[in-house]
């Protein structure tokens, strides 16, 4: 049985998400539909890219993912379908897939060309659903589009590294439900530049000198619980998607605050990492056996 996922900025108030599901069920009554998210910030392509990259791989191979973000078709925003990592993705060619494609090469990409047969002002419902159901029935991508080899990138998604590789400047690309701030700096990228050096992570006027393995590492469990004041403490981790994240332990915007509110960080704000050169250790000098040390005469 086919699985079709939905990731959109439709929200819950309007009819768009429900109508899309209804159109799918009208064509494939036995299909399984899973909502990844309908709460993507309107037209926020980096946010959608982050969500789909970290969500899709939990699904079985062959799953079909509809991404309804900035989907209106025009000269600079064509529609594409691609097969990648044995999953299928249907979206606008607006950069949403570039984050995944930077790490995994697509097996096939087509630019959808069935629009002349479908008049629509709601392409997710009328076009993306048709393509998804075609794939779910076992149809090929060649039937619904022409082969292309490149997709549009997202601008400013690769962190900046200075010439002598002593600094990385990244950007905030996502703020989660807890107010934790996710950057575009991945663990593998960080470690490649770091090369074992100490570092300082700066965000606004706050500096971190270590990265925790998990959120609770900031807690000293040797201290009795009633004497601890851990909630609201700031920390840095590599999150489950291996992105550098600035967080607040057990954050709550209504009580202890969150990383976003306490540090004043928003989407695309800068986060920098400065690497500190390792201290130079003097080479030891071998003293010949026939040379006396001063201590020998004391």
C-alpha atoms as a PDB file:
ATOM      1  CA  UNK A   1       0.000   0.000   0.000  1.00  0.00           C
ATOM      2  CA  UNK A   2       1.378   3.389  -1.027  1.00  0.00           C
ATOM      3  CA  UNK A   3       2.249   6.093   1.478  1.00  0.00           C
ATOM      4  CA  UNK A   4       1.946   9.772   0.555  1.00  0.00           C
ATOM      5  CA  UNK A   5       3.228  12.462   2.933  1.00  0.00           C
ATOM      6  CA  UNK A   6       2.284  16.132   3.012  1.00  0.00           C
ATOM      7  CA  UNK A   7       4.541  19.026   4.027  1.00  0.00           C
ATOM      8  CA  UNK A   8       2.948  22.434   3.489  1.00  0.00           C
ATOM      9  CA  UNK A   9       2.487  25.951   4.817  1.00  0.00           C
ATOM     10  CA  UNK A  10      -1.316  25.576   4.653  1.00  0.00           C
ATOM     11  CA  UNK A  11      -1.860  25.732   8.431  1.00  0.00           C
ATOM     12  CA  UNK A  12      -4.956  24.250  10.069  1.00  0.00           C
ATOM     13  CA  UNK A  13      -7.488  27.073   9.629  1.00  0.00           C
ATOM     14  CA  UNK A  14      -8.152  26.848   5.907  1.00  0.00           C
ATOM     15  CA  UNK A  15      -9.500  24.043   3.751  1.00  0.00           C
ATOM     16  CA  UNK A  16      -6.315  23.485   1.742  1.00  0.00           C
ATOM     17  CA  UNK A  17      -4.828  20.534   3.657  1.00  0.00           C
ATOM     18  CA  UNK A  18      -8.153  18.727   3.941  1.00  0.00           C
ATOM     19  CA  UNK A  19      -9.016  19.296   0.292  1.00  0.00           C
ATOM     20  CA  UNK A  20      -5.630  17.897  -0.775  1.00  0.00           C
ATOM     21  CA  UNK A  21      -6.228  14.738   1.246  1.00  0.00           C
ATOM     22  CA  UNK A  22      -9.724  14.423  -0.180  1.00  0.00           C
ATOM     23  CA  UNK A  23      -8.397  14.637  -3.734  1.00  0.00           C
ATOM     24  CA  UNK A  24      -5.870  11.871  -2.995  1.00  0.00           C
ATOM     25  CA  UNK A  25      -8.500   9.607  -1.439  1.00  0.00           C
ATOM     26  CA  UNK A  26     -10.807  10.217  -4.426  1.00  0.00           C
ATOM     27  CA  UNK A  27      -8.152   8.673  -6.667  1.00  0.00           C
ATOM     28  CA  UNK A  28      -6.679   6.114  -4.252  1.00  0.00           C
ATOM     29  CA  UNK A  29      -9.117   5.161  -1.469  1.00  0.00           C
ATOM     30  CA  UNK A  30      -6.678   2.706   0.131  1.00  0.00           C
ATOM     31  CA  UNK A  31      -3.628   4.975   0.234  1.00  0.00           C
ATOM     32  CA  UNK A  32      -2.046   6.037   3.539  1.00  0.00           C
ATOM     33  CA  UNK A  33      -1.599   9.792   3.990  1.00  0.00           C
ATOM     34  CA  UNK A  34       0.776  11.133   6.646  1.00  0.00           C
ATOM     35  CA  UNK A  35       1.085  14.790   7.620  1.00  0.00           C
ATOM     36  CA  UNK A  36       4.730  15.700   8.229  1.00  0.00           C
ATOM     37  CA  UNK A  37       3.809  19.341   8.867  1.00  0.00           C
ATOM     38  CA  UNK A  38       1.289  21.961   7.769  1.00  0.00           C
ATOM     39  CA  UNK A  39       2.880  24.605  10.004  1.00  0.00           C
ATOM     40  CA  UNK A  40       5.831  25.664   7.872  1.00  0.00           C
ATOM     41  CA  UNK A  41       6.109  29.455   7.996  1.00  0.00           C
ATOM     42  CA  UNK A  42       4.473  30.867   4.831  1.00  0.00           C
ATOM     43  CA  UNK A  43       6.812  30.644   1.814  1.00  0.00           C
ATOM     44  CA  UNK A  44       9.769  29.762   4.059  1.00  0.00           C
ATOM     45  CA  UNK A  45      11.838  27.550   1.779  1.00  0.00           C
ATOM     46  CA  UNK A  46      14.831  26.943   4.119  1.00  0.00           C
ATOM     47  CA  UNK A  47      12.461  25.904   6.903  1.00  0.00           C
ATOM     48  CA  UNK A  48      10.621  23.490   4.603  1.00  0.00           C
ATOM     49  CA  UNK A  49      13.929  22.091   3.325  1.00  0.00           C
ATOM     50  CA  UNK A  50      15.103  21.428   6.887  1.00  0.00           C
ATOM     51  CA  UNK A  51      11.834  19.698   7.845  1.00  0.00           C
ATOM     52  CA  UNK A  52      11.664  17.428   4.811  1.00  0.00           C
ATOM     53  CA  UNK A  53      15.361  16.520   4.996  1.00  0.00           C
ATOM     54  CA  UNK A  54      14.992  15.381   8.590  1.00  0.00           C
ATOM     55  CA  UNK A  55      11.573  13.785   8.161  1.00  0.00           C
ATOM     56  CA  UNK A  56      11.575  11.771   4.953  1.00  0.00           C
ATOM     57  CA  UNK A  57      14.105   9.060   5.847  1.00  0.00           C
ATOM     58  CA  UNK A  58      11.931   7.664   8.657  1.00  0.00           C
ATOM     59  CA  UNK A  59       9.446   6.466   6.053  1.00  0.00           C
ATOM     60  CA  UNK A  60       9.684   3.221   4.047  1.00  0.00           C
ATOM     61  CA  UNK A  61      11.418   3.207   0.688  1.00  0.00           C
ATOM     62  CA  UNK A  62       9.033   4.107  -2.104  1.00  0.00           C
ATOM     63  CA  UNK A  63       7.161   6.734  -0.065  1.00  0.00           C
ATOM     64  CA  UNK A  64       5.897   9.717  -2.080  1.00  0.00           C
ATOM     65  CA  UNK A  65       6.390  13.168  -0.542  1.00  0.00           C
ATOM     66  CA  UNK A  66       4.282  16.139  -1.647  1.00  0.00           C
ATOM     67  CA  UNK A  67       5.819  19.474  -0.610  1.00  0.00           C
ATOM     68  CA  UNK A  68       3.392  22.361  -0.951  1.00  0.00           C
ATOM     69  CA  UNK A  69       5.475  25.491  -0.382  1.00  0.00           C
ATOM     70  CA  UNK A  70       5.512  28.409  -2.846  1.00  0.00           C
ATOM     71  CA  UNK A  71       3.972  26.137  -5.454  1.00  0.00           C
ATOM     72  CA  UNK A  72       2.447  28.674  -7.861  1.00  0.00           C
ATOM     73  CA  UNK A  73       3.896  27.956 -11.275  1.00  0.00           C
ATOM     74  CA  UNK A  74       5.523  30.734 -13.291  1.00  0.00           C
ATOM     75  CA  UNK A  75       8.575  31.293 -15.470  1.00  0.00           C
ATOM     76  CA  UNK A  76      10.984  31.103 -12.512  1.00  0.00           C
ATOM     77  CA  UNK A  77       9.142  28.488 -10.461  1.00  0.00           C
ATOM     78  CA  UNK A  78       8.626  25.287 -12.422  1.00  0.00           C
ATOM     79  CA  UNK A  79       7.349  22.055 -10.876  1.00  0.00           C
ATOM     80  CA  UNK A  80       9.565  18.993 -10.511  1.00  0.00           C
ATOM     81  CA  UNK A  81       9.360  15.363  -9.441  1.00  0.00           C
ATOM     82  CA  UNK A  82      12.427  13.394  -8.481  1.00  0.00           C
ATOM     83  CA  UNK A  83      13.511  10.047  -7.174  1.00  0.00           C
ATOM     84  CA  UNK A  84      16.156  10.226  -4.473  1.00  0.00           C
ATOM     85  CA  UNK A  85      17.272   7.625  -1.938  1.00  0.00           C
ATOM     86  CA  UNK A  86      14.415   5.409  -3.211  1.00  0.00           C
ATOM     87  CA  UNK A  87      11.856   8.061  -2.231  1.00  0.00           C
ATOM     88  CA  UNK A  88       9.801  10.290  -4.535  1.00  0.00           C
ATOM     89  CA  UNK A  89       9.461  14.058  -4.063  1.00  0.00           C
ATOM     90  CA  UNK A  90       7.015  16.412  -5.800  1.00  0.00           C
ATOM     91  CA  UNK A  91       7.472  20.161  -5.328  1.00  0.00           C
ATOM     92  CA  UNK A  92       8.304  23.472  -6.942  1.00  0.00           C
ATOM     93  CA  UNK A  93      11.840  23.930  -8.218  1.00  0.00           C
ATOM     94  CA  UNK A  94      12.504  26.743  -5.765  1.00  0.00           C
ATOM     95  CA  UNK A  95      15.416  25.337  -3.768  1.00  0.00           C
ATOM     96  CA  UNK A  96      13.483  23.134  -1.350  1.00  0.00           C
ATOM     97  CA  UNK A  97      15.281  19.981  -2.503  1.00  0.00           C
ATOM     98  CA  UNK A  98      18.779  21.470  -2.697  1.00  0.00           C
ATOM     99  CA  UNK A  99      19.577  20.755   0.963  1.00  0.00           C
ATOM    100  CA  UNK A 100      18.937  17.023   0.518  1.00  0.00           C
ATOM    101  CA  UNK A 101      20.516  16.915  -2.932  1.00  0.00           C
ATOM    102  CA  UNK A 102      23.737  18.430  -1.593  1.00  0.00           C
ATOM    103  CA  UNK A 103      24.324  15.167   0.290  1.00  0.00           C
ATOM    104  CA  UNK A 104      22.506  12.555  -1.823  1.00  0.00           C
ATOM    105  CA  UNK A 105      22.455  12.674  -5.618  1.00  0.00           C
ATOM    106  CA  UNK A 106      18.998  12.213  -7.169  1.00  0.00           C
ATOM    107  CA  UNK A 107      18.517   9.109  -9.281  1.00  0.00           C
ATOM    108  CA  UNK A 108      16.185  10.982 -11.649  1.00  0.00           C
ATOM    109  CA  UNK A 109      14.684  14.492 -11.949  1.00  0.00           C
ATOM    110  CA  UNK A 110      11.901  15.551 -14.293  1.00  0.00           C
ATOM    111  CA  UNK A 111      10.281  18.909 -14.889  1.00  0.00           C
ATOM    112  CA  UNK A 112       6.540  18.258 -14.760  1.00  0.00           C
ATOM    113  CA  UNK A 113       4.826  19.110 -18.044  1.00  0.00           C
ATOM    114  CA  UNK A 114       1.208  17.962 -17.626  1.00  0.00           C
ATOM    115  CA  UNK A 115      -0.057  21.492 -16.889  1.00  0.00           C
ATOM    116  CA  UNK A 116      -1.489  22.015 -20.376  1.00  0.00           C
ATOM    117  CA  UNK A 117      -3.928  19.216 -19.591  1.00  0.00           C
ATOM    118  CA  UNK A 118      -4.866  20.644 -16.169  1.00  0.00           C
ATOM    119  CA  UNK A 119      -6.089  24.198 -15.615  1.00  0.00           C
ATOM    120  CA  UNK A 120      -5.434  25.118 -12.009  1.00  0.00           C
ATOM    121  CA  UNK A 121      -5.019  27.873  -9.470  1.00  0.00           C
ATOM    122  CA  UNK A 122      -4.241  25.301  -6.755  1.00  0.00           C
ATOM    123  CA  UNK A 123      -1.329  23.252  -8.147  1.00  0.00           C
ATOM    124  CA  UNK A 124      -0.751  21.165  -5.010  1.00  0.00           C
ATOM    125  CA  UNK A 125      -4.293  19.798  -5.269  1.00  0.00           C
ATOM    126  CA  UNK A 126      -4.589  19.601  -9.040  1.00  0.00           C
ATOM    127  CA  UNK A 127      -1.049  18.830 -10.239  1.00  0.00           C
ATOM    128  CA  UNK A 128       0.974  17.407  -7.333  1.00  0.00           C
ATOM    129  CA  UNK A 129      -1.846  15.038  -6.342  1.00  0.00           C
ATOM    130  CA  UNK A 130      -2.157  13.750  -9.935  1.00  0.00           C
ATOM    131  CA  UNK A 131       1.588  13.094 -10.080  1.00  0.00           C
ATOM    132  CA  UNK A 132       1.668  11.439  -6.667  1.00  0.00           C
ATOM    133  CA  UNK A 133      -1.218   9.113  -7.505  1.00  0.00           C
ATOM    134  CA  UNK A 134       0.390   8.262 -10.852  1.00  0.00           C
ATOM    135  CA  UNK A 135       3.594   7.227  -9.058  1.00  0.00           C
ATOM    136  CA  UNK A 136       1.603   5.325  -6.410  1.00  0.00           C
ATOM    137  CA  UNK A 137      -0.022   3.251  -9.152  1.00  0.00           C
ATOM    138  CA  UNK A 138       3.432   2.290 -10.422  1.00  0.00           C
ATOM    139  CA  UNK A 139       3.745   4.965 -13.107  1.00  0.00           C
ATOM    140  CA  UNK A 140       7.119   6.280 -14.227  1.00  0.00           C
ATOM    141  CA  UNK A 141       8.434   9.825 -14.001  1.00  0.00           C
ATOM    142  CA  UNK A 142       9.059   9.930 -17.756  1.00  0.00           C
ATOM    143  CA  UNK A 143       5.309  10.018 -18.396  1.00  0.00           C
ATOM    144  CA  UNK A 144       4.737  13.229 -16.443  1.00  0.00           C
ATOM    145  CA  UNK A 145       7.832  15.258 -17.264  1.00  0.00           C
ATOM    146  CA  UNK A 146      11.029  15.834 -19.190  1.00  0.00           C
ATOM    147  CA  UNK A 147      14.436  14.930 -17.810  1.00  0.00           C
ATOM    148  CA  UNK A 148      16.540  17.677 -16.258  1.00  0.00           C
ATOM    149  CA  UNK A 149      19.883  17.433 -14.487  1.00  0.00           C
ATOM    150  CA  UNK A 150      19.985  20.405 -12.121  1.00  0.00           C
ATOM    151  CA  UNK A 151      17.724  21.993  -9.539  1.00  0.00           C
ATOM    152  CA  UNK A 152      17.648  25.512  -8.162  1.00  0.00           C
ATOM    153  CA  UNK A 153      19.803  26.036  -5.038  1.00  0.00           C
ATOM    154  CA  UNK A 154      18.842  27.906  -1.885  1.00  0.00           C
ATOM    155  CA  UNK A 155      20.917  31.044  -1.539  1.00  0.00           C
ATOM    156  CA  UNK A 156      23.118  31.541   1.535  1.00  0.00           C
ATOM    157  CA  UNK A 157      22.656  27.987   2.805  1.00  0.00           C
ATOM    158  CA  UNK A 158      26.354  27.064   2.836  1.00  0.00           C
ATOM    159  CA  UNK A 159      28.273  28.444   5.841  1.00  0.00           C
ATOM    160  CA  UNK A 160      31.086  30.917   5.137  1.00  0.00           C
ATOM    161  CA  UNK A 161      34.658  29.917   6.017  1.00  0.00           C
ATOM    162  CA  UNK A 162      37.412  32.525   5.976  1.00  0.00           C
ATOM    163  CA  UNK A 163      40.597  32.018   3.978  1.00  0.00           C
ATOM    164  CA  UNK A 164      42.783  30.764   6.824  1.00  0.00           C
ATOM    165  CA  UNK A 165      39.976  28.566   8.155  1.00  0.00           C
ATOM    166  CA  UNK A 166      39.900  30.119  11.606  1.00  0.00           C
ATOM    167  CA  UNK A 167      36.224  31.050  11.473  1.00  0.00           C
ATOM    168  CA  UNK A 168      32.887  29.685  10.302  1.00  0.00           C
ATOM    169  CA  UNK A 169      29.920  32.010   9.922  1.00  0.00           C
ATOM    170  CA  UNK A 170      26.596  30.196   9.676  1.00  0.00           C
ATOM    171  CA  UNK A 171      22.974  31.280   9.721  1.00  0.00           C
ATOM    172  CA  UNK A 172      19.835  30.330  11.583  1.00  0.00           C
ATOM    173  CA  UNK A 173      17.657  28.261   9.249  1.00  0.00           C
ATOM    174  CA  UNK A 174      15.004  26.920  11.616  1.00  0.00           C
ATOM    175  CA  UNK A 175      13.421  27.629  15.008  1.00  0.00           C
ATOM    176  CA  UNK A 176      11.631  24.616  16.433  1.00  0.00           C
ATOM    177  CA  UNK A 177       8.536  24.347  18.594  1.00  0.00           C
ATOM    178  CA  UNK A 178      10.660  24.766  21.743  1.00  0.00           C
ATOM    179  CA  UNK A 179      12.325  27.927  20.463  1.00  0.00           C
ATOM    180  CA  UNK A 180      15.621  26.112  19.885  1.00  0.00           C
ATOM    181  CA  UNK A 181      17.697  27.734  17.142  1.00  0.00           C
ATOM    182  CA  UNK A 182      19.025  25.486  14.352  1.00  0.00           C
ATOM    183  CA  UNK A 183      21.885  26.646  12.144  1.00  0.00           C
ATOM    184  CA  UNK A 184      23.091  25.489   8.720  1.00  0.00           C
ATOM    185  CA  UNK A 185      26.354  24.182  10.236  1.00  0.00           C
ATOM    186  CA  UNK A 186      26.419  20.385  10.140  1.00  0.00           C
ATOM    187  CA  UNK A 187      28.602  18.243  12.385  1.00  0.00           C
ATOM    188  CA  UNK A 188      30.655  16.853   9.470  1.00  0.00           C
ATOM    189  CA  UNK A 189      31.331  20.365   8.135  1.00  0.00           C
ATOM    190  CA  UNK A 190      32.309  21.641  11.594  1.00  0.00           C
ATOM    191  CA  UNK A 191      34.690  18.752  12.281  1.00  0.00           C
ATOM    192  CA  UNK A 192      36.356  19.107   8.866  1.00  0.00           C
ATOM    193  CA  UNK A 193      37.234  22.728   9.612  1.00  0.00           C
ATOM    194  CA  UNK A 194      37.886  22.297  13.344  1.00  0.00           C
ATOM    195  CA  UNK A 195      40.635  19.679  13.128  1.00  0.00           C
ATOM    196  CA  UNK A 196      40.681  19.213  16.897  1.00  0.00           C
ATOM    197  CA  UNK A 197      41.074  22.904  17.780  1.00  0.00           C
ATOM    198  CA  UNK A 198      39.329  24.614  20.683  1.00  0.00           C
ATOM    199  CA  UNK A 199      36.588  27.039  19.670  1.00  0.00           C
ATOM    200  CA  UNK A 200      34.165  29.745  20.708  1.00  0.00           C
ATOM    201  CA  UNK A 201      30.618  29.868  19.365  1.00  0.00           C
ATOM    202  CA  UNK A 202      29.123  33.360  19.345  1.00  0.00           C
ATOM    203  CA  UNK A 203      25.476  34.285  18.955  1.00  0.00           C
ATOM    204  CA  UNK A 204      24.564  37.908  19.606  1.00  0.00           C
ATOM    205  CA  UNK A 205      26.346  38.729  22.890  1.00  0.00           C
ATOM    206  CA  UNK A 206      26.549  35.164  24.173  1.00  0.00           C
ATOM    207  CA  UNK A 207      29.532  32.798  23.833  1.00  0.00           C
ATOM    208  CA  UNK A 208      29.763  29.017  24.174  1.00  0.00           C
ATOM    209  CA  UNK A 209      33.016  27.081  24.504  1.00  0.00           C
ATOM    210  CA  UNK A 210      31.734  23.527  24.310  1.00  0.00           C
ATOM    211  CA  UNK A 211      29.186  21.417  22.469  1.00  0.00           C
ATOM    212  CA  UNK A 212      27.117  18.968  24.520  1.00  0.00           C
ATOM    213  CA  UNK A 213      26.296  15.462  23.337  1.00  0.00           C
ATOM    214  CA  UNK A 214      22.696  15.776  24.572  1.00  0.00           C
ATOM    215  CA  UNK A 215      20.524  18.377  26.274  1.00  0.00           C
ATOM    216  CA  UNK A 216      20.671  16.819  29.748  1.00  0.00           C
ATOM    217  CA  UNK A 217      24.490  16.911  29.763  1.00  0.00           C
ATOM    218  CA  UNK A 218      24.182  20.394  31.243  1.00  0.00           C
ATOM    219  CA  UNK A 219      22.627  18.920  34.411  1.00  0.00           C
ATOM    220  CA  UNK A 220      24.841  17.992  37.369  1.00  0.00           C
ATOM    221  CA  UNK A 221      22.996  14.952  38.656  1.00  0.00           C
ATOM    222  CA  UNK A 222      25.304  14.783  41.687  1.00  0.00           C
ATOM    223  CA  UNK A 223      23.442  17.780  43.119  1.00  0.00           C
ATOM    224  CA  UNK A 224      20.041  17.036  44.741  1.00  0.00           C
ATOM    225  CA  UNK A 225      17.207  17.903  42.388  1.00  0.00           C
ATOM    226  CA  UNK A 226      15.671  20.516  44.713  1.00  0.00           C
ATOM    227  CA  UNK A 227      18.971  22.434  44.744  1.00  0.00           C
ATOM    228  CA  UNK A 228      19.417  22.531  40.972  1.00  0.00           C
ATOM    229  CA  UNK A 229      18.394  25.420  38.752  1.00  0.00           C
ATOM    230  CA  UNK A 230      18.867  23.839  35.343  1.00  0.00           C
ATOM    231  CA  UNK A 231      15.734  24.923  33.498  1.00  0.00           C
ATOM    232  CA  UNK A 232      16.550  27.886  31.296  1.00  0.00           C
ATOM    233  CA  UNK A 233      20.281  27.199  31.021  1.00  0.00           C
ATOM    234  CA  UNK A 234      21.706  27.763  27.543  1.00  0.00           C
ATOM    235  CA  UNK A 235      23.685  25.107  25.675  1.00  0.00           C
ATOM    236  CA  UNK A 236      24.838  23.992  22.234  1.00  0.00           C
ATOM    237  CA  UNK A 237      24.308  20.517  20.749  1.00  0.00           C
ATOM    238  CA  UNK A 238      24.372  18.784  17.410  1.00  0.00           C
ATOM    239  CA  UNK A 239      20.713  17.819  17.130  1.00  0.00           C
ATOM    240  CA  UNK A 240      19.169  14.614  15.771  1.00  0.00           C
ATOM    241  CA  UNK A 241      19.747  15.857  12.225  1.00  0.00           C
ATOM    242  CA  UNK A 242      23.399  16.649  13.064  1.00  0.00           C
ATOM    243  CA  UNK A 243      22.864  20.403  12.718  1.00  0.00           C
ATOM    244  CA  UNK A 244      24.462  22.778  15.233  1.00  0.00           C
ATOM    245  CA  UNK A 245      21.680  23.946  17.535  1.00  0.00           C
ATOM    246  CA  UNK A 246      21.569  26.555  20.288  1.00  0.00           C
ATOM    247  CA  UNK A 247      19.062  25.459  22.896  1.00  0.00           C
ATOM    248  CA  UNK A 248      17.720  26.180  26.352  1.00  0.00           C
ATOM    249  CA  UNK A 249      17.290  23.229  28.701  1.00  0.00           C
ATOM    250  CA  UNK A 250      13.556  22.507  29.137  1.00  0.00           C
ATOM    251  CA  UNK A 251      12.775  25.764  27.385  1.00  0.00           C
ATOM    252  CA  UNK A 252       9.355  27.363  27.620  1.00  0.00           C
ATOM    253  CA  UNK A 253       8.757  30.784  26.120  1.00  0.00           C
ATOM    254  CA  UNK A 254       6.121  31.514  28.758  1.00  0.00           C
ATOM    255  CA  UNK A 255       8.338  30.732  31.768  1.00  0.00           C
ATOM    256  CA  UNK A 256      12.109  30.249  31.484  1.00  0.00           C
ATOM    257  CA  UNK A 257      12.314  31.509  27.897  1.00  0.00           C
ATOM    258  CA  UNK A 258      13.842  29.942  24.798  1.00  0.00           C
ATOM    259  CA  UNK A 259      17.073  30.264  22.837  1.00  0.00           C
ATOM    260  CA  UNK A 260      15.291  32.359  20.239  1.00  0.00           C
ATOM    261  CA  UNK A 261      13.723  34.783  22.738  1.00  0.00           C
ATOM    262  CA  UNK A 262      16.584  34.982  25.237  1.00  0.00           C
ATOM    263  CA  UNK A 263      19.311  35.482  22.631  1.00  0.00           C
ATOM    264  CA  UNK A 264      17.149  37.470  20.229  1.00  0.00           C
ATOM    265  CA  UNK A 265      17.858  35.151  17.303  1.00  0.00           C
ATOM    266  CA  UNK A 266      15.663  34.888  14.219  1.00  0.00           C
ATOM    267  CA  UNK A 267      15.781  33.220  10.816  1.00  0.00           C
ATOM    268  CA  UNK A 268      19.003  33.969   8.866  1.00  0.00           C
ATOM    269  CA  UNK A 269      20.708  35.657  11.833  1.00  0.00           C
ATOM    270  CA  UNK A 270      24.436  34.932  12.004  1.00  0.00           C
ATOM    271  CA  UNK A 271      26.121  32.438  14.345  1.00  0.00           C
ATOM    272  CA  UNK A 272      29.925  32.386  14.235  1.00  0.00           C
ATOM    273  CA  UNK A 273      32.535  29.884  15.343  1.00  0.00           C
ATOM    274  CA  UNK A 274      36.078  31.062  16.005  1.00  0.00           C
ATOM    275  CA  UNK A 275      38.793  28.405  16.185  1.00  0.00           C
ATOM    276  CA  UNK A 276      41.638  28.882  18.637  1.00  0.00           C
ATOM    277  CA  UNK A 277      45.112  27.720  17.546  1.00  0.00           C
ATOM    278  CA  UNK A 278      46.515  24.838  19.541  1.00  0.00           C
ATOM    279  CA  UNK A 279      49.372  25.924  21.834  1.00  0.00           C
ATOM    280  CA  UNK A 280      52.843  25.246  20.505  1.00  0.00           C
ATOM    281  CA  UNK A 281      54.588  22.652  22.675  1.00  0.00           C
ATOM    282  CA  UNK A 282      58.390  23.105  22.761  1.00  0.00           C
ATOM    283  CA  UNK A 283      60.300  20.151  21.434  1.00  0.00           C
ATOM    284  CA  UNK A 284      62.176  18.215  24.096  1.00  0.00           C
ATOM    285  CA  UNK A 285      65.969  18.350  23.826  1.00  0.00           C
ATOM    286  CA  UNK A 286      67.922  15.165  24.346  1.00  0.00           C
ATOM    287  CA  UNK A 287      70.961  15.789  26.566  1.00  0.00           C
ATOM    288  CA  UNK A 288      73.979  13.604  25.761  1.00  0.00           C
ATOM    289  CA  UNK A 289      74.972  11.237  28.538  1.00  0.00           C
ATOM    290  CA  UNK A 290      78.423  12.850  28.936  1.00  0.00           C
ATOM    291  CA  UNK A 291      76.946  16.322  29.553  1.00  0.00           C
ATOM    292  CA  UNK A 292      76.285  17.065  33.211  1.00  0.00           C
ATOM    293  CA  UNK A 293      73.126  18.882  34.281  1.00  0.00           C
ATOM    294  CA  UNK A 294      73.342  21.670  36.876  1.00  0.00           C
ATOM    295  CA  UNK A 295      71.382  19.507  39.282  1.00  0.00           C
ATOM    296  CA  UNK A 296      74.242  16.956  39.214  1.00  0.00           C
ATOM    297  CA  UNK A 297      76.449  19.426  41.114  1.00  0.00           C
ATOM    298  CA  UNK A 298      73.947  20.502  43.719  1.00  0.00           C
END
